[in-house]
Amino acid sequence: MAGSEDLSVAAVLCPHGVAADALLDRVARVLRSEGYRIAGLVQRSVASDGGARALLHVADLSSGALLRITQDLGEGARGCRLDPGALAAAAGALMARLDVAADTVPDALILNRFGKAEAEGKGLRGVAEQACLRGIPVLAALRPGHRADWEEFSGGAAVILPPDEARVLTWLRVAIGSDGGAQQRPSRPAGMTEGGAR
């Protein structure tokens, strides 16, 4: 397989304290203003009704729709608030965008995280795999604690970018190609099988 510079998969390594979603949102807005079709999700916090903790939503970069992805577990709860069903619904909506007619397939896919769910083969992992199989560039935010999981997912062939808007935009523009559409790319990262499952 070609080197990592030819594989259209990258992660923006975002240590805690870096506003990953704001960066991804800005990048998507710039690319859309240039005429690129961008699909994906960015995270938004929305104040809960009287609760101390904000409820997390994802904003669909194509439609602008907000989808709630956290459960309100009640006051004092400490468990994981991620709602797997809501995340699966968001993933399903993104997957549908990858299956549409060729003239409306996105030029790039931006994912708000490659995190615990994706490391376990859930969450948005299937969407990322299908985008790779279709030659659509994939960009995801990545916390340092999941870097080894990302390397395993990508077979070590993905690009790791700093949280720098200019560098992320440059990578995406090159990955998309100067013609504004998908070009021939390697069919999948080394760690991925034909059906996307591992």
C-alpha atoms as a PDB file:
ATOM      1  CA  MET A   1       0.000   0.000   0.000  1.00  0.00           C
ATOM      2  CA  ALA A   2       1.077   3.589  -0.556  1.00  0.00           C
ATOM      3  CA  GLY A   3       2.598   5.600   2.274  1.00  0.00           C
ATOM      4  CA  SER A   4       0.603   7.460   4.882  1.00  0.00           C
ATOM      5  CA  GLU A   5       0.747  10.686   2.887  1.00  0.00           C
ATOM      6  CA  ASP A   6      -1.402   8.956   0.239  1.00  0.00           C
ATOM      7  CA  LEU A   7      -4.003   7.598   2.652  1.00  0.00           C
ATOM      8  CA  SER A   8      -6.855  10.035   3.139  1.00  0.00           C
ATOM      9  CA  VAL A   9      -7.326   9.468   6.871  1.00  0.00           C
ATOM     10  CA  ALA A  10      -6.109  11.894   9.514  1.00  0.00           C
ATOM     11  CA  ALA A  11      -6.634  12.701  13.158  1.00  0.00           C
ATOM     12  CA  VAL A  12      -6.221  16.046  14.843  1.00  0.00           C
ATOM     13  CA  LEU A  13      -4.433  15.258  18.100  1.00  0.00           C
ATOM     14  CA  CYS A  14      -6.208  17.411  20.680  1.00  0.00           C
ATOM     15  CA  PRO A  15      -4.944  17.328  24.264  1.00  0.00           C
ATOM     16  CA  HIS A  16      -7.490  18.225  26.942  1.00  0.00           C
ATOM     17  CA  GLY A  17      -8.069  21.952  26.935  1.00  0.00           C
ATOM     18  CA  VAL A  18      -7.988  22.191  23.126  1.00  0.00           C
ATOM     19  CA  ALA A  19     -11.402  23.091  21.697  1.00  0.00           C
ATOM     20  CA  ALA A  20     -11.493  20.290  19.133  1.00  0.00           C
ATOM     21  CA  ASP A  21     -15.097  20.804  18.078  1.00  0.00           C
ATOM     22  CA  ALA A  22     -14.671  24.537  17.524  1.00  0.00           C
ATOM     23  CA  LEU A  23     -11.642  23.805  15.333  1.00  0.00           C
ATOM     24  CA  LEU A  24     -13.488  21.160  13.299  1.00  0.00           C
ATOM     25  CA  ASP A  25     -16.515  23.446  12.944  1.00  0.00           C
ATOM     26  CA  ARG A  26     -14.354  26.309  11.616  1.00  0.00           C
ATOM     27  CA  VAL A  27     -12.595  23.983   9.185  1.00  0.00           C
ATOM     28  CA  ALA A  28     -15.938  22.679   7.886  1.00  0.00           C
ATOM     29  CA  ARG A  29     -17.297  26.221   7.440  1.00  0.00           C
ATOM     30  CA  VAL A  30     -14.221  27.307   5.469  1.00  0.00           C
ATOM     31  CA  LEU A  31     -14.395  24.278   3.177  1.00  0.00           C
ATOM     32  CA  ARG A  32     -18.143  24.665   2.606  1.00  0.00           C
ATOM     33  CA  SER A  33     -17.559  28.330   1.699  1.00  0.00           C
ATOM     34  CA  GLU A  34     -15.092  27.081  -0.945  1.00  0.00           C
ATOM     35  CA  GLY A  35     -17.777  24.837  -2.449  1.00  0.00           C
ATOM     36  CA  TYR A  36     -16.797  21.495  -0.922  1.00  0.00           C
ATOM     37  CA  ARG A  37     -19.472  19.077   0.302  1.00  0.00           C
ATOM     38  CA  ILE A  38     -18.615  18.276   3.923  1.00  0.00           C
ATOM     39  CA  ALA A  39     -20.444  15.640   5.956  1.00  0.00           C
ATOM     40  CA  GLY A  40     -19.904  14.775   9.574  1.00  0.00           C
ATOM     41  CA  LEU A  41     -20.608  15.710  13.151  1.00  0.00           C
ATOM     42  CA  VAL A  42     -19.281  18.221  15.656  1.00  0.00           C
ATOM     43  CA  GLN A  43     -20.173  18.212  19.324  1.00  0.00           C
ATOM     44  CA  ARG A  44     -22.205  20.933  21.022  1.00  0.00           C
ATOM     45  CA  SER A  45     -23.005  21.384  24.713  1.00  0.00           C
ATOM     46  CA  VAL A  46     -26.546  22.474  25.488  1.00  0.00           C
ATOM     47  CA  ALA A  47     -27.619  23.506  28.982  1.00  0.00           C
ATOM     48  CA  SER A  48     -29.948  20.977  30.574  1.00  0.00           C
ATOM     49  CA  ASP A  49     -33.255  21.886  32.173  1.00  0.00           C
ATOM     50  CA  GLY A  50     -32.099  22.720  35.679  1.00  0.00           C
ATOM     51  CA  GLY A  51     -29.311  20.140  35.702  1.00  0.00           C
ATOM     52  CA  ALA A  52     -25.774  21.136  36.573  1.00  0.00           C
ATOM     53  CA  ARG A  53     -24.217  19.228  33.678  1.00  0.00           C
ATOM     54  CA  ALA A  54     -24.711  20.214  30.064  1.00  0.00           C
ATOM     55  CA  LEU A  55     -26.271  17.729  27.696  1.00  0.00           C
ATOM     56  CA  LEU A  56     -24.124  16.850  24.711  1.00  0.00           C
ATOM     57  CA  HIS A  57     -25.460  17.025  21.193  1.00  0.00           C
ATOM     58  CA  VAL A  58     -23.843  16.537  17.826  1.00  0.00           C
ATOM     59  CA  ALA A  59     -24.502  18.954  15.003  1.00  0.00           C
ATOM     60  CA  ASP A  60     -24.840  17.403  11.564  1.00  0.00           C
ATOM     61  CA  LEU A  61     -22.471  19.365   9.307  1.00  0.00           C
ATOM     62  CA  SER A  62     -24.674  18.788   6.244  1.00  0.00           C
ATOM     63  CA  SER A  63     -28.089  19.680   7.636  1.00  0.00           C
ATOM     64  CA  GLY A  64     -27.299  21.621  10.802  1.00  0.00           C
ATOM     65  CA  ALA A  65     -29.634  19.335  12.777  1.00  0.00           C
ATOM     66  CA  LEU A  66     -28.804  18.842  16.461  1.00  0.00           C
ATOM     67  CA  LEU A  67     -28.971  15.302  17.829  1.00  0.00           C
ATOM     68  CA  ARG A  68     -28.767  14.684  21.563  1.00  0.00           C
ATOM     69  CA  ILE A  69     -26.234  11.949  22.358  1.00  0.00           C
ATOM     70  CA  THR A  70     -26.233  11.949  26.160  1.00  0.00           C
ATOM     71  CA  GLN A  71     -28.698  10.592  28.648  1.00  0.00           C
ATOM     72  CA  ASP A  72     -29.751  12.493  31.736  1.00  0.00           C
ATOM     73  CA  LEU A  73     -28.902   9.924  34.408  1.00  0.00           C
ATOM     74  CA  GLY A  74     -30.185  12.081  37.222  1.00  0.00           C
ATOM     75  CA  GLU A  75     -28.608  14.191  39.897  1.00  0.00           C
ATOM     76  CA  GLY A  76     -25.376  12.795  41.328  1.00  0.00           C
ATOM     77  CA  ALA A  77     -25.023  10.040  38.717  1.00  0.00           C
ATOM     78  CA  ARG A  78     -21.445   9.286  37.738  1.00  0.00           C
ATOM     79  CA  GLY A  79     -21.775   6.681  34.981  1.00  0.00           C
ATOM     80  CA  CYS A  80     -21.180   7.174  31.287  1.00  0.00           C
ATOM     81  CA  ARG A  81     -23.892   9.445  29.945  1.00  0.00           C
ATOM     82  CA  LEU A  82     -23.388   8.563  26.277  1.00  0.00           C
ATOM     83  CA  ASP A  83     -26.625   7.248  24.765  1.00  0.00           C
ATOM     84  CA  PRO A  84     -25.550   4.380  22.471  1.00  0.00           C
ATOM     85  CA  GLY A  85     -28.896   4.401  20.650  1.00  0.00           C
ATOM     86  CA  ALA A  86     -28.658   8.105  19.864  1.00  0.00           C
ATOM     87  CA  LEU A  87     -25.072   7.705  18.667  1.00  0.00           C
ATOM     88  CA  ALA A  88     -26.164   4.787  16.460  1.00  0.00           C
ATOM     89  CA  ALA A  89     -28.918   6.977  14.973  1.00  0.00           C
ATOM     90  CA  ALA A  90     -26.391   9.729  14.211  1.00  0.00           C
ATOM     91  CA  ALA A  91     -24.077   7.150  12.630  1.00  0.00           C
ATOM     92  CA  GLY A  92     -26.968   5.813  10.546  1.00  0.00           C
ATOM     93  CA  ALA A  93     -27.753   9.284   9.204  1.00  0.00           C
ATOM     94  CA  LEU A  94     -24.109   9.765   8.223  1.00  0.00           C
ATOM     95  CA  MET A  95     -23.939   6.324   6.628  1.00  0.00           C
ATOM     96  CA  ALA A  96     -26.964   7.225   4.480  1.00  0.00           C
ATOM     97  CA  ARG A  97     -25.082  10.275   3.172  1.00  0.00           C
ATOM     98  CA  LEU A  98     -22.284   7.992   1.999  1.00  0.00           C
ATOM     99  CA  ASP A  99     -24.752   5.822   0.066  1.00  0.00           C
ATOM    100  CA  VAL A 100     -26.413   8.541  -2.009  1.00  0.00           C
ATOM    101  CA  ALA A 101     -25.924   9.326  -5.685  1.00  0.00           C
ATOM    102  CA  ALA A 102     -22.385  10.109  -6.822  1.00  0.00           C
ATOM    103  CA  ASP A 103     -23.131  13.788  -7.409  1.00  0.00           C
ATOM    104  CA  THR A 104     -24.062  14.318  -3.754  1.00  0.00           C
ATOM    105  CA  VAL A 105     -21.481  12.127  -2.018  1.00  0.00           C
ATOM    106  CA  PRO A 106     -19.470  14.277   0.397  1.00  0.00           C
ATOM    107  CA  ASP A 107     -15.972  15.410  -0.522  1.00  0.00           C
ATOM    108  CA  ALA A 108     -14.825  14.790   3.063  1.00  0.00           C
ATOM    109  CA  LEU A 109     -16.092  13.365   6.346  1.00  0.00           C
ATOM    110  CA  ILE A 110     -15.340  15.131   9.640  1.00  0.00           C
ATOM    111  CA  LEU A 111     -15.961  13.247  12.888  1.00  0.00           C
ATOM    112  CA  ASN A 112     -16.062  14.903  16.278  1.00  0.00           C
ATOM    113  CA  ARG A 113     -14.148  12.079  17.979  1.00  0.00           C
ATOM    114  CA  PHE A 114     -12.379   8.821  17.639  1.00  0.00           C
ATOM    115  CA  GLY A 115     -12.891   7.765  21.236  1.00  0.00           C
ATOM    116  CA  LYS A 116     -13.821   4.853  23.457  1.00  0.00           C
ATOM    117  CA  ALA A 117     -16.864   3.762  21.435  1.00  0.00           C
ATOM    118  CA  GLU A 118     -14.878   3.785  18.178  1.00  0.00           C
ATOM    119  CA  ALA A 119     -11.960   1.953  19.804  1.00  0.00           C
ATOM    120  CA  GLU A 120     -14.460  -0.773  20.755  1.00  0.00           C
ATOM    121  CA  GLY A 121     -15.725  -1.008  17.161  1.00  0.00           C
ATOM    122  CA  LYS A 122     -18.879   1.005  17.874  1.00  0.00           C
ATOM    123  CA  GLY A 123     -19.910   4.639  17.622  1.00  0.00           C
ATOM    124  CA  LEU A 124     -18.830   6.277  14.372  1.00  0.00           C
ATOM    125  CA  ARG A 125     -16.186   3.694  13.488  1.00  0.00           C
ATOM    126  CA  GLY A 126     -18.313   2.000  10.832  1.00  0.00           C
ATOM    127  CA  VAL A 127     -18.964   5.360   9.174  1.00  0.00           C
ATOM    128  CA  ALA A 128     -15.230   6.108   9.082  1.00  0.00           C
ATOM    129  CA  GLU A 129     -14.519   2.666   7.619  1.00  0.00           C
ATOM    130  CA  GLN A 130     -17.153   3.043   4.900  1.00  0.00           C
ATOM    131  CA  ALA A 131     -15.868   6.500   3.978  1.00  0.00           C
ATOM    132  CA  CYS A 132     -12.355   5.041   3.644  1.00  0.00           C
ATOM    133  CA  LEU A 133     -13.664   2.233   1.454  1.00  0.00           C
ATOM    134  CA  ARG A 134     -15.373   4.813  -0.789  1.00  0.00           C
ATOM    135  CA  GLY A 135     -12.254   6.986  -1.072  1.00  0.00           C
ATOM    136  CA  ILE A 136     -13.728   9.842   0.974  1.00  0.00           C
ATOM    137  CA  PRO A 137     -11.136  11.638   3.137  1.00  0.00           C
ATOM    138  CA  VAL A 138     -11.788  11.205   6.866  1.00  0.00           C
ATOM    139  CA  LEU A 139     -10.728  13.635   9.584  1.00  0.00           C
ATOM    140  CA  ALA A 140     -11.399  12.966  13.271  1.00  0.00           C
ATOM    141  CA  ALA A 141     -10.497  14.624  16.547  1.00  0.00           C
ATOM    142  CA  LEU A 142      -8.369  12.396  18.759  1.00  0.00           C
ATOM    143  CA  ARG A 143      -7.442  12.648  22.425  1.00  0.00           C
ATOM    144  CA  PRO A 144      -3.937  11.382  23.309  1.00  0.00           C
ATOM    145  CA  GLY A 145      -5.383   8.518  25.374  1.00  0.00           C
ATOM    146  CA  HIS A 146      -6.867   6.941  22.229  1.00  0.00           C
ATOM    147  CA  ARG A 147      -3.866   7.354  19.948  1.00  0.00           C
ATOM    148  CA  ALA A 148      -2.919   3.656  20.113  1.00  0.00           C
ATOM    149  CA  ASP A 149      -6.522   2.727  19.237  1.00  0.00           C
ATOM    150  CA  TRP A 150      -6.396   5.126  16.268  1.00  0.00           C
ATOM    151  CA  GLU A 151      -3.097   3.627  15.100  1.00  0.00           C
ATOM    152  CA  GLU A 152      -4.641   0.152  15.271  1.00  0.00           C
ATOM    153  CA  PHE A 153      -7.747   1.316  13.365  1.00  0.00           C
ATOM    154  CA  SER A 154      -5.688   2.908  10.605  1.00  0.00           C
ATOM    155  CA  GLY A 155      -3.029   0.223  10.462  1.00  0.00           C
ATOM    156  CA  GLY A 156      -0.516   2.919  11.410  1.00  0.00           C
ATOM    157  CA  ALA A 157      -1.045   4.620   8.046  1.00  0.00           C
ATOM    158  CA  ALA A 158      -3.082   7.653   9.112  1.00  0.00           C
ATOM    159  CA  VAL A 159      -1.700  11.157   9.389  1.00  0.00           C
ATOM    160  CA  ILE A 160      -1.563  12.785  12.837  1.00  0.00           C
ATOM    161  CA  LEU A 161      -2.096  16.548  12.672  1.00  0.00           C
ATOM    162  CA  PRO A 162      -1.623  19.222  15.328  1.00  0.00           C
ATOM    163  CA  PRO A 163      -4.691  21.271  16.306  1.00  0.00           C
ATOM    164  CA  ASP A 164      -3.727  23.987  13.835  1.00  0.00           C
ATOM    165  CA  GLU A 165      -6.502  25.215  11.537  1.00  0.00           C
ATOM    166  CA  ALA A 166      -4.207  26.100   8.624  1.00  0.00           C
ATOM    167  CA  ARG A 167      -2.493  22.691   8.646  1.00  0.00           C
ATOM    168  CA  VAL A 168      -5.796  20.841   8.931  1.00  0.00           C
ATOM    169  CA  LEU A 169      -7.243  22.828   6.015  1.00  0.00           C
ATOM    170  CA  THR A 170      -4.148  22.170   3.915  1.00  0.00           C
ATOM    171  CA  TRP A 171      -4.337  18.437   4.585  1.00  0.00           C
ATOM    172  CA  LEU A 172      -8.045  18.289   3.718  1.00  0.00           C
ATOM    173  CA  ARG A 173      -7.669  20.312   0.521  1.00  0.00           C
ATOM    174  CA  VAL A 174      -4.881  18.014  -0.657  1.00  0.00           C
ATOM    175  CA  ALA A 175      -6.822  14.900   0.387  1.00  0.00           C
ATOM    176  CA  ILE A 176      -9.952  16.066  -1.426  1.00  0.00           C
ATOM    177  CA  GLY A 177      -7.962  17.017  -4.495  1.00  0.00           C
ATOM    178  CA  SER A 178      -7.857  20.182  -6.490  1.00  0.00           C
ATOM    179  CA  ASP A 179     -10.806  19.049  -8.641  1.00  0.00           C
ATOM    180  CA  GLY A 180     -13.173  19.386  -5.661  1.00  0.00           C
ATOM    181  CA  GLY A 181     -14.070  15.712  -5.630  1.00  0.00           C
ATOM    182  CA  ALA A 182     -12.840  12.316  -4.583  1.00  0.00           C
ATOM    183  CA  GLN A 183      -9.805  10.987  -6.430  1.00  0.00           C
ATOM    184  CA  GLN A 184      -8.369   7.483  -6.594  1.00  0.00           C
ATOM    185  CA  ARG A 185      -7.032   6.590  -3.169  1.00  0.00           C
ATOM    186  CA  PRO A 186      -5.984   3.426  -1.396  1.00  0.00           C
ATOM    187  CA  SER A 187      -9.140   1.425  -0.740  1.00  0.00           C
ATOM    188  CA  ARG A 188      -8.663   0.983   3.007  1.00  0.00           C
ATOM    189  CA  PRO A 189      -6.208   1.269   5.871  1.00  0.00           C
ATOM    190  CA  ALA A 190      -4.059  -1.799   6.460  1.00  0.00           C
ATOM    191  CA  GLY A 191      -6.019  -2.855   9.561  1.00  0.00           C
ATOM    192  CA  MET A 192      -9.394  -2.850   7.804  1.00  0.00           C
ATOM    193  CA  THR A 193     -11.054  -5.715   5.934  1.00  0.00           C
ATOM    194  CA  GLU A 194     -13.164  -5.447   2.780  1.00  0.00           C
ATOM    195  CA  GLY A 195     -16.467  -5.258   4.688  1.00  0.00           C
ATOM    196  CA  GLY A 196     -15.126  -2.696   7.113  1.00  0.00           C
ATOM    197  CA  ALA A 197     -15.143  -5.121  10.036  1.00  0.00           C
ATOM    198  CA  ARG A 198     -11.933  -6.235  11.643  1.00  0.00           C
END
